[in-house]
Amino acid sequence: MMIKILYFLRVFEQFGALVQMLLTTMTGLVNFMIFFALSVGFFTVSHCMLQVTFDATSYPSVNLLIVILIETFRNSIGDADLPSYDVWTTSSL
């Protein structure tokens, strides 16, 4: 829908370069979004395998995997929330 609206803006000559720039940016963004989603997914799986937990009080009644996915995404965009490594810090010997 948005792409069609951008094509309608090409009727006006002054919007032609802007529309071309936006379309080029969107097509280039596809590769980045695929890589970004895979990276967040891989880090989520690695956090699950290492039994890393986050403070789940912000997300009541949400599955732990979804909480880890949300917190991994938040960490990837710069909202630093430190994970808890309780499994690795407590001595089981």
C-alpha atoms as a PDB file:
ATOM      1  CA  MET A   1       0.000   0.000   0.000  1.00  0.00           C
ATOM      2  CA  MET A   2       2.752   2.436   0.966  1.00  0.00           C
ATOM      3  CA  ILE A   3       4.729   1.589  -2.176  1.00  0.00           C
ATOM      4  CA  LYS A   4       1.744   2.459  -4.393  1.00  0.00           C
ATOM      5  CA  ILE A   5       1.327   5.816  -2.661  1.00  0.00           C
ATOM      6  CA  LEU A   6       5.012   6.525  -3.286  1.00  0.00           C
ATOM      7  CA  TYR A   7       4.549   5.752  -6.988  1.00  0.00           C
ATOM      8  CA  PHE A   8       1.643   8.209  -7.136  1.00  0.00           C
ATOM      9  CA  LEU A   9       3.968  10.889  -5.733  1.00  0.00           C
ATOM     10  CA  ARG A  10       6.205  10.476  -8.781  1.00  0.00           C
ATOM     11  CA  VAL A  11       3.677  12.468 -10.767  1.00  0.00           C
ATOM     12  CA  PHE A  12       5.159  15.594  -9.219  1.00  0.00           C
ATOM     13  CA  GLU A  13       8.673  16.128 -10.517  1.00  0.00           C
ATOM     14  CA  GLN A  14      10.065  17.459  -7.244  1.00  0.00           C
ATOM     15  CA  PHE A  15       9.141  14.197  -5.434  1.00  0.00           C
ATOM     16  CA  GLY A  16      10.836  11.914  -7.994  1.00  0.00           C
ATOM     17  CA  ALA A  17      14.268  11.864  -6.332  1.00  0.00           C
ATOM     18  CA  LEU A  18      12.745  11.452  -2.872  1.00  0.00           C
ATOM     19  CA  VAL A  19      10.623   8.493  -3.967  1.00  0.00           C
ATOM     20  CA  GLN A  20      13.621   6.860  -5.657  1.00  0.00           C
ATOM     21  CA  MET A  21      15.724   7.349  -2.516  1.00  0.00           C
ATOM     22  CA  LEU A  22      13.030   5.836  -0.277  1.00  0.00           C
ATOM     23  CA  LEU A  23      12.566   2.813  -2.546  1.00  0.00           C
ATOM     24  CA  THR A  24      16.312   2.215  -2.722  1.00  0.00           C
ATOM     25  CA  THR A  25      16.557   2.447   1.059  1.00  0.00           C
ATOM     26  CA  MET A  26      13.677   0.021   1.585  1.00  0.00           C
ATOM     27  CA  THR A  27      15.128  -2.555  -0.788  1.00  0.00           C
ATOM     28  CA  GLY A  28      18.509  -2.288   0.906  1.00  0.00           C
ATOM     29  CA  LEU A  29      16.896  -2.600   4.306  1.00  0.00           C
ATOM     30  CA  VAL A  30      15.512  -6.053   3.525  1.00  0.00           C
ATOM     31  CA  ASN A  31      18.957  -7.693   3.707  1.00  0.00           C
ATOM     32  CA  PHE A  32      19.744  -5.957   6.975  1.00  0.00           C
ATOM     33  CA  MET A  33      16.420  -6.953   8.558  1.00  0.00           C
ATOM     34  CA  ILE A  34      16.955 -10.607   7.622  1.00  0.00           C
ATOM     35  CA  PHE A  35      20.436 -10.570   9.152  1.00  0.00           C
ATOM     36  CA  PHE A  36      19.201  -8.674  12.223  1.00  0.00           C
ATOM     37  CA  ALA A  37      16.300 -11.088  12.829  1.00  0.00           C
ATOM     38  CA  LEU A  38      18.622 -14.088  12.496  1.00  0.00           C
ATOM     39  CA  SER A  39      21.120 -12.525  14.908  1.00  0.00           C
ATOM     40  CA  VAL A  40      18.437 -11.822  17.516  1.00  0.00           C
ATOM     41  CA  GLY A  41      17.119 -15.366  17.057  1.00  0.00           C
ATOM     42  CA  PHE A  42      20.570 -16.928  17.465  1.00  0.00           C
ATOM     43  CA  PHE A  43      21.319 -14.907  20.592  1.00  0.00           C
ATOM     44  CA  THR A  44      17.918 -15.853  22.018  1.00  0.00           C
ATOM     45  CA  VAL A  45      18.661 -19.529  21.487  1.00  0.00           C
ATOM     46  CA  SER A  46      22.125 -19.153  23.003  1.00  0.00           C
ATOM     47  CA  HIS A  47      20.658 -17.410  26.068  1.00  0.00           C
ATOM     48  CA  CYS A  48      18.176 -20.262  26.449  1.00  0.00           C
ATOM     49  CA  MET A  49      20.921 -22.882  26.133  1.00  0.00           C
ATOM     50  CA  LEU A  50      23.074 -21.094  28.719  1.00  0.00           C
ATOM     51  CA  GLN A  51      20.032 -20.746  31.014  1.00  0.00           C
ATOM     52  CA  VAL A  52      20.404 -16.978  31.185  1.00  0.00           C
ATOM     53  CA  THR A  53      17.373 -15.289  32.710  1.00  0.00           C
ATOM     54  CA  PHE A  54      16.099 -11.750  32.702  1.00  0.00           C
ATOM     55  CA  ASP A  55      13.855  -9.946  35.164  1.00  0.00           C
ATOM     56  CA  ALA A  56      10.426 -11.172  34.066  1.00  0.00           C
ATOM     57  CA  THR A  57       8.410  -8.924  36.385  1.00  0.00           C
ATOM     58  CA  SER A  58       7.801  -6.532  33.494  1.00  0.00           C
ATOM     59  CA  TYR A  59       6.117  -9.313  31.538  1.00  0.00           C
ATOM     60  CA  PRO A  60       3.601 -11.116  33.755  1.00  0.00           C
ATOM     61  CA  SER A  61       2.166 -14.379  32.421  1.00  0.00           C
ATOM     62  CA  VAL A  62       4.496 -14.459  29.399  1.00  0.00           C
ATOM     63  CA  ASN A  63       6.468 -17.533  28.428  1.00  0.00           C
ATOM     64  CA  LEU A  64      10.170 -17.411  29.419  1.00  0.00           C
ATOM     65  CA  LEU A  65      11.284 -17.893  25.801  1.00  0.00           C
ATOM     66  CA  ILE A  66       9.295 -14.836  24.715  1.00  0.00           C
ATOM     67  CA  VAL A  67      10.731 -12.807  27.617  1.00  0.00           C
ATOM     68  CA  ILE A  68      14.262 -13.756  26.550  1.00  0.00           C
ATOM     69  CA  LEU A  69      13.427 -12.869  22.924  1.00  0.00           C
ATOM     70  CA  ILE A  70      12.067  -9.451  23.932  1.00  0.00           C
ATOM     71  CA  GLU A  71      15.017  -8.710  26.201  1.00  0.00           C
ATOM     72  CA  THR A  72      17.511  -9.821  23.541  1.00  0.00           C
ATOM     73  CA  PHE A  73      15.843  -7.483  21.059  1.00  0.00           C
ATOM     74  CA  ARG A  74      15.893  -4.653  23.591  1.00  0.00           C
ATOM     75  CA  ASN A  75      19.599  -5.244  24.241  1.00  0.00           C
ATOM     76  CA  SER A  76      20.323  -5.287  20.510  1.00  0.00           C
ATOM     77  CA  ILE A  77      18.845  -1.813  20.018  1.00  0.00           C
ATOM     78  CA  GLY A  78      20.750  -0.362  22.946  1.00  0.00           C
ATOM     79  CA  ASP A  79      18.328  -0.639  25.871  1.00  0.00           C
ATOM     80  CA  ALA A  80      20.768  -2.392  28.191  1.00  0.00           C
ATOM     81  CA  ASP A  81      19.155  -4.732  30.694  1.00  0.00           C
ATOM     82  CA  LEU A  82      21.679  -6.999  32.323  1.00  0.00           C
ATOM     83  CA  PRO A  83      20.878 -10.693  32.312  1.00  0.00           C
ATOM     84  CA  SER A  84      21.112 -12.849  35.390  1.00  0.00           C
ATOM     85  CA  TYR A  85      23.669 -15.648  35.407  1.00  0.00           C
ATOM     86  CA  ASP A  86      22.435 -17.274  38.613  1.00  0.00           C
ATOM     87  CA  VAL A  87      22.912 -20.808  37.283  1.00  0.00           C
ATOM     88  CA  TRP A  88      26.575 -20.101  36.581  1.00  0.00           C
ATOM     89  CA  THR A  89      27.389 -18.113  39.734  1.00  0.00           C
ATOM     90  CA  THR A  90      25.993 -20.504  42.341  1.00  0.00           C
ATOM     91  CA  SER A  91      28.353 -23.273  43.270  1.00  0.00           C
ATOM     92  CA  SER A  92      26.890 -26.712  42.794  1.00  0.00           C
ATOM     93  CA  LEU A  93      29.932 -28.533  44.148  1.00  0.00           C
END
